[in-house]
Amino acid sequence: MIFSNGEKRKLITRLTKIEHQITRLNRNLSRKVKGSKNFIKNVKKLHKLYNKVFDIRNDEYQKLSTKIIKNFDLIGLENLSIKNMIKNKRLSHSISQISMVKTLLT
């Protein structure tokens, strides 16, 4: 996302470490026996990480929306087909990470 004054919004860097932890826990979860205590513990850890990702993203959306409202008088939106942009393998992760749709709807 680029603002009219040339400032670029960077991706959320705090999520990369958590995403690696999620992938590791998902791998471990696939090796566990369903219904076992270790399976349940692993699922609880995954839920905590997913909630943390959710909270970080919501925090970033709120910060971005307040920054836009405080700094700019007029807000213009470009009509993009985000569903088609997500189909691109190389761009899908970064587009979904900045979550343009949620940012525009907030």
PDB file of N, CA and C in Angstrom:
ATOM      1  N   MET A   1       0.841  -1.156   0.000  1.00  0.00           N
ATOM      2  CA  MET A   1       0.000   0.000   0.000  1.00  0.00           C
ATOM      3  C   MET A   1       0.899   1.235   0.000  1.00  0.00           C
ATOM      4  N   ILE A   2       0.616   2.154  -0.913  1.00  0.00           N
ATOM      5  CA  ILE A   2       1.395   3.381  -1.036  1.00  0.00           C
ATOM      6  C   ILE A   2       0.457   4.567  -0.842  1.00  0.00           C
ATOM      7  N   PHE A   3       0.887   5.505  -0.009  1.00  0.00           N
ATOM      8  CA  PHE A   3       0.103   6.707   0.238  1.00  0.00           C
ATOM      9  C   PHE A   3       0.427   7.763  -0.813  1.00  0.00           C
ATOM     10  N   SER A   4      -0.388   8.798  -0.888  1.00  0.00           N
ATOM     11  CA  SER A   4      -0.212   9.844  -1.894  1.00  0.00           C
ATOM     12  C   SER A   4       1.069  10.649  -1.693  1.00  0.00           C
ATOM     13  N   ASN A   5       1.609  10.672  -0.473  1.00  0.00           N
ATOM     14  CA  ASN A   5       2.844  11.404  -0.235  1.00  0.00           C
ATOM     15  C   ASN A   5       4.090  10.555  -0.529  1.00  0.00           C
ATOM     16  N   GLY A   6       3.910   9.341  -1.059  1.00  0.00           N
ATOM     17  CA  GLY A   6       5.010   8.475  -1.441  1.00  0.00           C
ATOM     18  C   GLY A   6       5.427   7.486  -0.378  1.00  0.00           C
ATOM     19  N   GLU A   7       4.831   7.561   0.785  1.00  0.00           N
ATOM     20  CA  GLU A   7       5.178   6.657   1.875  1.00  0.00           C
ATOM     21  C   GLU A   7       4.594   5.271   1.597  1.00  0.00           C
ATOM     22  N   LYS A   8       5.432   4.238   1.794  1.00  0.00           N
ATOM     23  CA  LYS A   8       4.985   2.869   1.569  1.00  0.00           C
ATOM     24  C   LYS A   8       4.714   2.196   2.902  1.00  0.00           C
ATOM     25  N   ARG A   9       3.663   1.405   2.926  1.00  0.00           N
ATOM     26  CA  ARG A   9       3.346   0.632   4.128  1.00  0.00           C
ATOM     27  C   ARG A   9       4.019  -0.727   4.005  1.00  0.00           C
ATOM     28  N   LYS A  10       4.807  -1.078   5.001  1.00  0.00           N
ATOM     29  CA  LYS A  10       5.518  -2.354   4.984  1.00  0.00           C
ATOM     30  C   LYS A  10       4.616  -3.468   5.494  1.00  0.00           C
ATOM     31  N   LEU A  11       5.021  -4.709   5.198  1.00  0.00           N
ATOM     32  CA  LEU A  11       4.289  -5.859   5.695  1.00  0.00           C
ATOM     33  C   LEU A  11       4.472  -5.975   7.201  1.00  0.00           C
ATOM     34  N   ILE A  12       3.614  -6.732   7.820  1.00  0.00           N
ATOM     35  CA  ILE A  12       3.695  -6.934   9.264  1.00  0.00           C
ATOM     36  C   ILE A  12       4.827  -7.928   9.517  1.00  0.00           C
ATOM     37  N   THR A  13       5.926  -7.444  10.056  1.00  0.00           N
ATOM     38  CA  THR A  13       7.104  -8.297  10.223  1.00  0.00           C
ATOM     39  C   THR A  13       7.017  -9.179  11.453  1.00  0.00           C
ATOM     40  N   ARG A  14       6.159  -8.825  12.393  1.00  0.00           N
ATOM     41  CA  ARG A  14       6.057  -9.619  13.618  1.00  0.00           C
ATOM     42  C   ARG A  14       5.441 -10.988  13.364  1.00  0.00           C
ATOM     43  N   LEU A  15       4.829 -11.168  12.212  1.00  0.00           N
ATOM     44  CA  LEU A  15       4.103 -12.406  11.964  1.00  0.00           C
ATOM     45  C   LEU A  15       4.988 -13.541  11.444  1.00  0.00           C
ATOM     46  N   THR A  16       6.149 -13.239  10.910  1.00  0.00           N
ATOM     47  CA  THR A  16       6.959 -14.291  10.289  1.00  0.00           C
ATOM     48  C   THR A  16       7.377 -15.347  11.300  1.00  0.00           C
ATOM     49  N   LYS A  17       7.805 -14.922  12.492  1.00  0.00           N
ATOM     50  CA  LYS A  17       8.220 -15.877  13.517  1.00  0.00           C
ATOM     51  C   LYS A  17       7.044 -16.750  13.942  1.00  0.00           C
ATOM     52  N   ILE A  18       5.892 -16.133  14.113  1.00  0.00           N
ATOM     53  CA  ILE A  18       4.711 -16.884  14.547  1.00  0.00           C
ATOM     54  C   ILE A  18       4.252 -17.844  13.453  1.00  0.00           C
ATOM     55  N   GLU A  19       4.351 -17.429  12.193  1.00  0.00           N
ATOM     56  CA  GLU A  19       3.965 -18.312  11.091  1.00  0.00           C
ATOM     57  C   GLU A  19       4.858 -19.546  11.032  1.00  0.00           C
ATOM     58  N   HIS A  20       6.145 -19.384  11.304  1.00  0.00           N
ATOM     59  CA  HIS A  20       7.044 -20.539  11.344  1.00  0.00           C
ATOM     60  C   HIS A  20       6.682 -21.468  12.494  1.00  0.00           C
ATOM     61  N   GLN A  21       6.307 -20.904  13.637  1.00  0.00           N
ATOM     62  CA  GLN A  21       5.877 -21.726  14.763  1.00  0.00           C
ATOM     63  C   GLN A  21       4.604 -22.485  14.424  1.00  0.00           C
ATOM     64  N   ILE A  22       3.697 -21.837  13.705  1.00  0.00           N
ATOM     65  CA  ILE A  22       2.444 -22.497  13.314  1.00  0.00           C
ATOM     66  C   ILE A  22       2.717 -23.662  12.375  1.00  0.00           C
ATOM     67  N   THR A  23       3.606 -23.455  11.400  1.00  0.00           N
ATOM     68  CA  THR A  23       3.911 -24.554  10.481  1.00  0.00           C
ATOM     69  C   THR A  23       4.560 -25.720  11.218  1.00  0.00           C
ATOM     70  N   ARG A  24       5.450 -25.434  12.172  1.00  0.00           N
ATOM     71  CA  ARG A  24       6.098 -26.489  12.943  1.00  0.00           C
ATOM     72  C   ARG A  24       5.071 -27.247  13.776  1.00  0.00           C
ATOM     73  N   LEU A  25       4.168 -26.521  14.443  1.00  0.00           N
ATOM     74  CA  LEU A  25       3.152 -27.187  15.255  1.00  0.00           C
ATOM     75  C   LEU A  25       2.170 -27.988  14.400  1.00  0.00           C
ATOM     76  N   ASN A  26       1.861 -27.509  13.200  1.00  0.00           N
ATOM     77  CA  ASN A  26       0.987 -28.274  12.306  1.00  0.00           C
ATOM     78  C   ASN A  26       1.647 -29.576  11.875  1.00  0.00           C
ATOM     79  N   ARG A  27       2.956 -29.519  11.629  1.00  0.00           N
ATOM     80  CA  ARG A  27       3.682 -30.742  11.289  1.00  0.00           C
ATOM     81  C   ARG A  27       3.657 -31.724  12.450  1.00  0.00           C
ATOM     82  N   ASN A  28       3.895 -31.197  13.657  1.00  0.00           N
ATOM     83  CA  ASN A  28       3.853 -32.062  14.838  1.00  0.00           C
ATOM     84  C   ASN A  28       2.461 -32.633  15.071  1.00  0.00           C
ATOM     85  N   LEU A  29       1.449 -31.830  14.809  1.00  0.00           N
ATOM     86  CA  LEU A  29       0.071 -32.268  15.028  1.00  0.00           C
ATOM     87  C   LEU A  29      -0.301 -33.418  14.099  1.00  0.00           C
ATOM     88  N   SER A  30       0.234 -33.410  12.884  1.00  0.00           N
ATOM     89  CA  SER A  30      -0.107 -34.468  11.936  1.00  0.00           C
ATOM     90  C   SER A  30       0.460 -35.819  12.370  1.00  0.00           C
ATOM     91  N   ARG A  31       1.482 -35.797  13.216  1.00  0.00           N
ATOM     92  CA  ARG A  31       2.081 -37.056  13.684  1.00  0.00           C
ATOM     93  C   ARG A  31       1.423 -37.583  14.957  1.00  0.00           C
ATOM     94  N   LYS A  32       0.597 -36.781  15.596  1.00  0.00           N
ATOM     95  CA  LYS A  32      -0.032 -37.189  16.857  1.00  0.00           C
ATOM     96  C   LYS A  32      -1.270 -38.040  16.592  1.00  0.00           C
ATOM     97  N   VAL A  33      -1.612 -38.854  17.574  1.00  0.00           N
ATOM     98  CA  VAL A  33      -2.813 -39.675  17.500  1.00  0.00           C
ATOM     99  C   VAL A  33      -3.996 -38.806  17.907  1.00  0.00           C
ATOM    100  N   LYS A  34      -5.053 -38.797  17.070  1.00  0.00           N
ATOM    101  CA  LYS A  34      -6.210 -37.960  17.369  1.00  0.00           C
ATOM    102  C   LYS A  34      -6.829 -38.367  18.699  1.00  0.00           C
ATOM    103  N   GLY A  35      -7.129 -37.343  19.514  1.00  0.00           N
ATOM    104  CA  GLY A  35      -7.781 -37.590  20.791  1.00  0.00           C
ATOM    105  C   GLY A  35      -6.825 -37.804  21.949  1.00  0.00           C
ATOM    106  N   SER A  36      -5.526 -37.952  21.677  1.00  0.00           N
ATOM    107  CA  SER A  36      -4.573 -38.156  22.772  1.00  0.00           C
ATOM    108  C   SER A  36      -4.324 -36.841  23.501  1.00  0.00           C
ATOM    109  N   LYS A  37      -3.723 -36.941  24.677  1.00  0.00           N
ATOM    110  CA  LYS A  37      -3.462 -35.734  25.460  1.00  0.00           C
ATOM    111  C   LYS A  37      -2.460 -34.826  24.753  1.00  0.00           C
ATOM    112  N   ASN A  38      -1.459 -35.419  24.114  1.00  0.00           N
ATOM    113  CA  ASN A  38      -0.477 -34.611  23.391  1.00  0.00           C
ATOM    114  C   ASN A  38      -1.106 -33.922  22.184  1.00  0.00           C
ATOM    115  N   PHE A  39      -2.056 -34.584  21.558  1.00  0.00           N
ATOM    116  CA  PHE A  39      -2.784 -33.977  20.442  1.00  0.00           C
ATOM    117  C   PHE A  39      -3.564 -32.756  20.932  1.00  0.00           C
ATOM    118  N   ILE A  40      -4.237 -32.904  22.048  1.00  0.00           N
ATOM    119  CA  ILE A  40      -5.037 -31.808  22.596  1.00  0.00           C
ATOM    120  C   ILE A  40      -4.143 -30.643  23.020  1.00  0.00           C
ATOM    121  N   LYS A  41      -2.982 -30.951  23.642  1.00  0.00           N
ATOM    122  CA  LYS A  41      -2.043 -29.890  24.031  1.00  0.00           C
ATOM    123  C   LYS A  41      -1.550 -29.120  22.814  1.00  0.00           C
ATOM    124  N   ASN A  42      -1.258 -29.870  21.755  1.00  0.00           N
ATOM    125  CA  ASN A  42      -0.764 -29.244  20.522  1.00  0.00           C
ATOM    126  C   ASN A  42      -1.838 -28.369  19.888  1.00  0.00           C
ATOM    127  N   VAL A  43      -3.072 -28.821  19.913  1.00  0.00           N
ATOM    128  CA  VAL A  43      -4.180 -28.033  19.369  1.00  0.00           C
ATOM    129  C   VAL A  43      -4.352 -26.741  20.158  1.00  0.00           C
ATOM    130  N   LYS A  44      -4.216 -26.809  21.475  1.00  0.00           N
ATOM    131  CA  LYS A  44      -4.333 -25.606  22.310  1.00  0.00           C
ATOM    132  C   LYS A  44      -3.228 -24.606  21.979  1.00  0.00           C
ATOM    133  N   LYS A  45      -2.003 -25.109  21.761  1.00  0.00           N
ATOM    134  CA  LYS A  45      -0.897 -24.221  21.384  1.00  0.00           C
ATOM    135  C   LYS A  45      -1.177 -23.552  20.044  1.00  0.00           C
ATOM    136  N   LEU A  46      -1.722 -24.325  19.099  1.00  0.00           N
ATOM    137  CA  LEU A  46      -2.058 -23.768  17.791  1.00  0.00           C
ATOM    138  C   LEU A  46      -3.129 -22.687  17.908  1.00  0.00           C
ATOM    139  N   HIS A  47      -4.132 -22.926  18.728  1.00  0.00           N
ATOM    140  CA  HIS A  47      -5.189 -21.923  18.914  1.00  0.00           C
ATOM    141  C   HIS A  47      -4.622 -20.631  19.489  1.00  0.00           C
ATOM    142  N   LYS A  48      -3.692 -20.750  20.430  1.00  0.00           N
ATOM    143  CA  LYS A  48      -3.071 -19.553  21.009  1.00  0.00           C
ATOM    144  C   LYS A  48      -2.328 -18.762  19.933  1.00  0.00           C
ATOM    145  N   LEU A  49      -1.584 -19.476  19.077  1.00  0.00           N
ATOM    146  CA  LEU A  49      -0.828 -18.785  18.035  1.00  0.00           C
ATOM    147  C   LEU A  49      -1.753 -18.142  17.010  1.00  0.00           C
ATOM    148  N   TYR A  50      -2.818 -18.840  16.627  1.00  0.00           N
ATOM    149  CA  TYR A  50      -3.766 -18.260  15.672  1.00  0.00           C
ATOM    150  C   TYR A  50      -4.445 -17.022  16.258  1.00  0.00           C
ATOM    151  N   ASN A  51      -4.767 -17.070  17.541  1.00  0.00           N
ATOM    152  CA  ASN A  51      -5.352 -15.891  18.191  1.00  0.00           C
ATOM    153  C   ASN A  51      -4.357 -14.744  18.240  1.00  0.00           C
ATOM    154  N   LYS A  52      -3.080 -15.056  18.454  1.00  0.00           N
ATOM    155  CA  LYS A  52      -2.054 -14.023  18.485  1.00  0.00           C
ATOM    156  C   LYS A  52      -1.929 -13.356  17.116  1.00  0.00           C
ATOM    157  N   VAL A  53      -1.962 -14.161  16.053  1.00  0.00           N
ATOM    158  CA  VAL A  53      -1.903 -13.613  14.691  1.00  0.00           C
ATOM    159  C   VAL A  53      -3.116 -12.720  14.437  1.00  0.00           C
ATOM    160  N   PHE A  54      -4.278 -13.173  14.848  1.00  0.00           N
ATOM    161  CA  PHE A  54      -5.505 -12.398  14.686  1.00  0.00           C
ATOM    162  C   PHE A  54      -5.402 -11.055  15.406  1.00  0.00           C
ATOM    163  N   ASP A  55      -4.902 -11.076  16.646  1.00  0.00           N
ATOM    164  CA  ASP A  55      -4.778  -9.848  17.427  1.00  0.00           C
ATOM    165  C   ASP A  55      -3.760  -8.888  16.820  1.00  0.00           C
ATOM    166  N   ILE A  56      -2.632  -9.416  16.337  1.00  0.00           N
ATOM    167  CA  ILE A  56      -1.608  -8.567  15.723  1.00  0.00           C
ATOM    168  C   ILE A  56      -2.160  -7.898  14.470  1.00  0.00           C
ATOM    169  N   ARG A  57      -2.861  -8.667  13.637  1.00  0.00           N
ATOM    170  CA  ARG A  57      -3.420  -8.093  12.413  1.00  0.00           C
ATOM    171  C   ARG A  57      -4.472  -7.036  12.728  1.00  0.00           C
ATOM    172  N   ASN A  58      -5.347  -7.303  13.679  1.00  0.00           N
ATOM    173  CA  ASN A  58      -6.351  -6.311  14.049  1.00  0.00           C
ATOM    174  C   ASN A  58      -5.713  -5.043  14.596  1.00  0.00           C
ATOM    175  N   ASP A  59      -4.651  -5.194  15.367  1.00  0.00           N
ATOM    176  CA  ASP A  59      -3.935  -4.035  15.893  1.00  0.00           C
ATOM    177  C   ASP A  59      -3.347  -3.208  14.751  1.00  0.00           C
ATOM    178  N   GLU A  60      -2.768  -3.872  13.771  1.00  0.00           N
ATOM    179  CA  GLU A  60      -2.189  -3.168  12.624  1.00  0.00           C
ATOM    180  C   GLU A  60      -3.267  -2.452  11.810  1.00  0.00           C
ATOM    181  N   TYR A  61      -4.430  -3.082  11.646  1.00  0.00           N
ATOM    182  CA  TYR A  61      -5.514  -2.445  10.892  1.00  0.00           C
ATOM    183  C   TYR A  61      -5.979  -1.178  11.592  1.00  0.00           C
ATOM    184  N   GLN A  62      -6.109  -1.271  12.923  1.00  0.00           N
ATOM    185  CA  GLN A  62      -6.555  -0.102  13.680  1.00  0.00           C
ATOM    186  C   GLN A  62      -5.545   1.031  13.600  1.00  0.00           C
ATOM    187  N   LYS A  63      -4.252   0.686  13.718  1.00  0.00           N
ATOM    188  CA  LYS A  63      -3.205   1.710  13.623  1.00  0.00           C
ATOM    189  C   LYS A  63      -3.198   2.357  12.247  1.00  0.00           C
ATOM    190  N   LEU A  64      -3.351   1.531  11.204  1.00  0.00           N
ATOM    191  CA  LEU A  64      -3.339   2.051   9.840  1.00  0.00           C
ATOM    192  C   LEU A  64      -4.534   2.966   9.596  1.00  0.00           C
ATOM    193  N   SER A  65      -5.711   2.536  10.034  1.00  0.00           N
ATOM    194  CA  SER A  65      -6.904   3.350   9.780  1.00  0.00           C
ATOM    195  C   SER A  65      -6.834   4.684  10.524  1.00  0.00           C
ATOM    196  N   THR A  66      -6.345   4.681  11.756  1.00  0.00           N
ATOM    197  CA  THR A  66      -6.224   5.950  12.469  1.00  0.00           C
ATOM    198  C   THR A  66      -5.163   6.842  11.838  1.00  0.00           C
ATOM    199  N   LYS A  67      -4.083   6.236  11.337  1.00  0.00           N
ATOM    200  CA  LYS A  67      -3.032   7.020  10.679  1.00  0.00           C
ATOM    201  C   LYS A  67      -3.570   7.679   9.411  1.00  0.00           C
ATOM    202  N   ILE A  68      -4.342   6.939   8.637  1.00  0.00           N
ATOM    203  CA  ILE A  68      -4.906   7.482   7.402  1.00  0.00           C
ATOM    204  C   ILE A  68      -5.877   8.619   7.725  1.00  0.00           C
ATOM    205  N   ILE A  69      -6.713   8.417   8.709  1.00  0.00           N
ATOM    206  CA  ILE A  69      -7.712   9.430   9.046  1.00  0.00           C
ATOM    207  C   ILE A  69      -7.067  10.699   9.592  1.00  0.00           C
ATOM    208  N   LYS A  70      -6.026  10.550  10.402  1.00  0.00           N
ATOM    209  CA  LYS A  70      -5.373  11.722  10.989  1.00  0.00           C
ATOM    210  C   LYS A  70      -4.572  12.521   9.959  1.00  0.00           C
ATOM    211  N   ASN A  71      -3.925  11.819   9.008  1.00  0.00           N
ATOM    212  CA  ASN A  71      -2.987  12.492   8.111  1.00  0.00           C
ATOM    213  C   ASN A  71      -3.596  12.999   6.805  1.00  0.00           C
ATOM    214  N   PHE A  72      -4.725  12.446   6.380  1.00  0.00           N
ATOM    215  CA  PHE A  72      -5.258  12.793   5.069  1.00  0.00           C
ATOM    216  C   PHE A  72      -6.689  13.308   5.192  1.00  0.00           C
ATOM    217  N   ASP A  73      -6.990  14.332   4.407  1.00  0.00           N
ATOM    218  CA  ASP A  73      -8.340  14.888   4.412  1.00  0.00           C
ATOM    219  C   ASP A  73      -9.257  14.147   3.451  1.00  0.00           C
ATOM    220  N   LEU A  74      -8.711  13.745   2.330  1.00  0.00           N
ATOM    221  CA  LEU A  74      -9.493  13.080   1.294  1.00  0.00           C
ATOM    222  C   LEU A  74      -8.920  11.684   1.067  1.00  0.00           C
ATOM    223  N   ILE A  75      -9.785  10.691   1.044  1.00  0.00           N
ATOM    224  CA  ILE A  75      -9.345   9.309   0.874  1.00  0.00           C
ATOM    225  C   ILE A  75      -9.944   8.778  -0.419  1.00  0.00           C
ATOM    226  N   GLY A  76      -9.087   8.352  -1.339  1.00  0.00           N
ATOM    227  CA  GLY A  76      -9.537   7.761  -2.597  1.00  0.00           C
ATOM    228  C   GLY A  76      -9.169   6.295  -2.641  1.00  0.00           C
ATOM    229  N   LEU A  77     -10.067   5.472  -3.132  1.00  0.00           N
ATOM    230  CA  LEU A  77      -9.835   4.036  -3.213  1.00  0.00           C
ATOM    231  C   LEU A  77      -9.817   3.591  -4.662  1.00  0.00           C
ATOM    232  N   GLU A  78      -8.909   2.687  -4.955  1.00  0.00           N
ATOM    233  CA  GLU A  78      -8.829   2.123  -6.293  1.00  0.00           C
ATOM    234  C   GLU A  78      -9.632   0.825  -6.314  1.00  0.00           C
ATOM    235  N   ASN A  79     -10.390   0.627  -7.370  1.00  0.00           N
ATOM    236  CA  ASN A  79     -11.215  -0.561  -7.487  1.00  0.00           C
ATOM    237  C   ASN A  79     -10.345  -1.703  -8.005  1.00  0.00           C
ATOM    238  N   LEU A  80      -9.991  -2.646  -7.114  1.00  0.00           N
ATOM    239  CA  LEU A  80      -9.154  -3.782  -7.477  1.00  0.00           C
ATOM    240  C   LEU A  80      -9.930  -5.073  -7.272  1.00  0.00           C
ATOM    241  N   SER A  81      -9.668  -6.046  -8.146  1.00  0.00           N
ATOM    242  CA  SER A  81     -10.261  -7.360  -7.942  1.00  0.00           C
ATOM    243  C   SER A  81      -9.263  -8.200  -7.143  1.00  0.00           C
ATOM    244  N   ILE A  82      -9.419  -8.171  -5.840  1.00  0.00           N
ATOM    245  CA  ILE A  82      -8.461  -8.817  -4.943  1.00  0.00           C
ATOM    246  C   ILE A  82      -8.555 -10.334  -5.048  1.00  0.00           C
ATOM    247  N   LYS A  83      -9.741 -10.860  -5.332  1.00  0.00           N
ATOM    248  CA  LYS A  83      -9.886 -12.309  -5.485  1.00  0.00           C
ATOM    249  C   LYS A  83      -8.998 -12.825  -6.609  1.00  0.00           C
ATOM    250  N   ASN A  84      -8.925 -12.079  -7.710  1.00  0.00           N
ATOM    251  CA  ASN A  84      -8.075 -12.505  -8.819  1.00  0.00           C
ATOM    252  C   ASN A  84      -6.601 -12.309  -8.497  1.00  0.00           C
ATOM    253  N   MET A  85      -6.278 -11.297  -7.710  1.00  0.00           N
ATOM    254  CA  MET A  85      -4.886 -11.062  -7.340  1.00  0.00           C
ATOM    255  C   MET A  85      -4.368 -12.172  -6.426  1.00  0.00           C
ATOM    256  N   ILE A  86      -5.231 -12.730  -5.589  1.00  0.00           N
ATOM    257  CA  ILE A  86      -4.819 -13.786  -4.669  1.00  0.00           C
ATOM    258  C   ILE A  86      -4.544 -15.089  -5.420  1.00  0.00           C
ATOM    259  N   LYS A  87      -5.072 -15.247  -6.609  1.00  0.00           N
ATOM    260  CA  LYS A  87      -4.830 -16.455  -7.386  1.00  0.00           C
ATOM    261  C   LYS A  87      -3.378 -16.570  -7.837  1.00  0.00           C
ATOM    262  N   ASN A  88      -2.655 -15.452  -7.863  1.00  0.00           N
ATOM    263  CA  ASN A  88      -1.244 -15.461  -8.226  1.00  0.00           C
ATOM    264  C   ASN A  88      -0.437 -16.079  -7.086  1.00  0.00           C
ATOM    265  N   LYS A  89       0.326 -17.146  -7.367  1.00  0.00           N
ATOM    266  CA  LYS A  89       1.055 -17.862  -6.329  1.00  0.00           C
ATOM    267  C   LYS A  89       2.092 -16.987  -5.636  1.00  0.00           C
ATOM    268  N   ARG A  90       2.755 -16.143  -6.368  1.00  0.00           N
ATOM    269  CA  ARG A  90       3.851 -15.351  -5.812  1.00  0.00           C
ATOM    270  C   ARG A  90       3.354 -14.194  -4.943  1.00  0.00           C
ATOM    271  N   LEU A  91       2.173 -13.702  -5.236  1.00  0.00           N
ATOM    272  CA  LEU A  91       1.671 -12.536  -4.520  1.00  0.00           C
ATOM    273  C   LEU A  91       0.626 -12.865  -3.456  1.00  0.00           C
ATOM    274  N   SER A  92       0.083 -14.071  -3.481  1.00  0.00           N
ATOM    275  CA  SER A  92      -1.070 -14.376  -2.641  1.00  0.00           C
ATOM    276  C   SER A  92      -0.778 -14.212  -1.151  1.00  0.00           C
ATOM    277  N   HIS A  93       0.380 -14.650  -0.703  1.00  0.00           N
ATOM    278  CA  HIS A  93       0.680 -14.568   0.724  1.00  0.00           C
ATOM    279  C   HIS A  93       0.814 -13.123   1.183  1.00  0.00           C
ATOM    280  N   SER A  94       1.519 -12.318   0.418  1.00  0.00           N
ATOM    281  CA  SER A  94       1.711 -10.925   0.833  1.00  0.00           C
ATOM    282  C   SER A  94       0.414 -10.128   0.733  1.00  0.00           C
ATOM    283  N   ILE A  95      -0.414 -10.432  -0.249  1.00  0.00           N
ATOM    284  CA  ILE A  95      -1.701  -9.732  -0.374  1.00  0.00           C
ATOM    285  C   ILE A  95      -2.625 -10.109   0.770  1.00  0.00           C
ATOM    286  N   SER A  96      -2.673 -11.391   1.097  1.00  0.00           N
ATOM    287  CA  SER A  96      -3.537 -11.795   2.200  1.00  0.00           C
ATOM    288  C   SER A  96      -2.987 -11.323   3.539  1.00  0.00           C
ATOM    289  N   GLN A  97      -1.656 -11.144   3.626  1.00  0.00           N
ATOM    290  CA  GLN A  97      -1.077 -10.672   4.875  1.00  0.00           C
ATOM    291  C   GLN A  97      -1.456  -9.217   5.152  1.00  0.00           C
ATOM    292  N   ILE A  98      -1.441  -8.368   4.127  1.00  0.00           N
ATOM    293  CA  ILE A  98      -1.838  -6.986   4.376  1.00  0.00           C
ATOM    294  C   ILE A  98      -3.354  -6.852   4.379  1.00  0.00           C
ATOM    295  N   SER A  99      -4.026  -7.875   3.878  1.00  0.00           N
ATOM    296  CA  SER A  99      -5.487  -7.946   3.903  1.00  0.00           C
ATOM    297  C   SER A  99      -6.135  -6.645   3.449  1.00  0.00           C
ATOM    298  N   MET A 100      -6.011  -6.401   2.168  1.00  0.00           N
ATOM    299  CA  MET A 100      -6.540  -5.158   1.599  1.00  0.00           C
ATOM    300  C   MET A 100      -8.032  -5.004   1.840  1.00  0.00           C
ATOM    301  N   VAL A 101      -8.754  -6.100   1.733  1.00  0.00           N
ATOM    302  CA  VAL A 101     -10.213  -6.024   1.870  1.00  0.00           C
ATOM    303  C   VAL A 101     -10.590  -5.512   3.258  1.00  0.00           C
ATOM    304  N   LYS A 102      -9.984  -6.098   4.281  1.00  0.00           N
ATOM    305  CA  LYS A 102     -10.327  -5.697   5.651  1.00  0.00           C
ATOM    306  C   LYS A 102      -9.872  -4.256   5.902  1.00  0.00           C
ATOM    307  N   THR A 103      -8.717  -3.884   5.355  1.00  0.00           N
ATOM    308  CA  THR A 103      -8.227  -2.529   5.539  1.00  0.00           C
ATOM    309  C   THR A 103      -9.183  -1.529   4.899  1.00  0.00           C
ATOM    310  N   LEU A 104      -9.705  -1.853   3.724  1.00  0.00           N
ATOM    311  CA  LEU A 104     -10.598  -0.933   3.035  1.00  0.00           C
ATOM    312  C   LEU A 104     -11.966  -0.867   3.688  1.00  0.00           C
ATOM    313  N   LEU A 105     -12.390  -1.951   4.323  1.00  0.00           N
ATOM    314  CA  LEU A 105     -13.710  -1.973   4.923  1.00  0.00           C
ATOM    315  C   LEU A 105     -13.736  -1.431   6.350  1.00  0.00           C
ATOM    316  N   THR A 106     -12.567  -1.263   6.980  1.00  0.00           N
ATOM    317  CA  THR A 106     -12.541  -0.781   8.367  1.00  0.00           C
ATOM    318  C   THR A 106     -12.867   0.665   8.474  1.00  0.00           C
TER     319      THR A 106
END
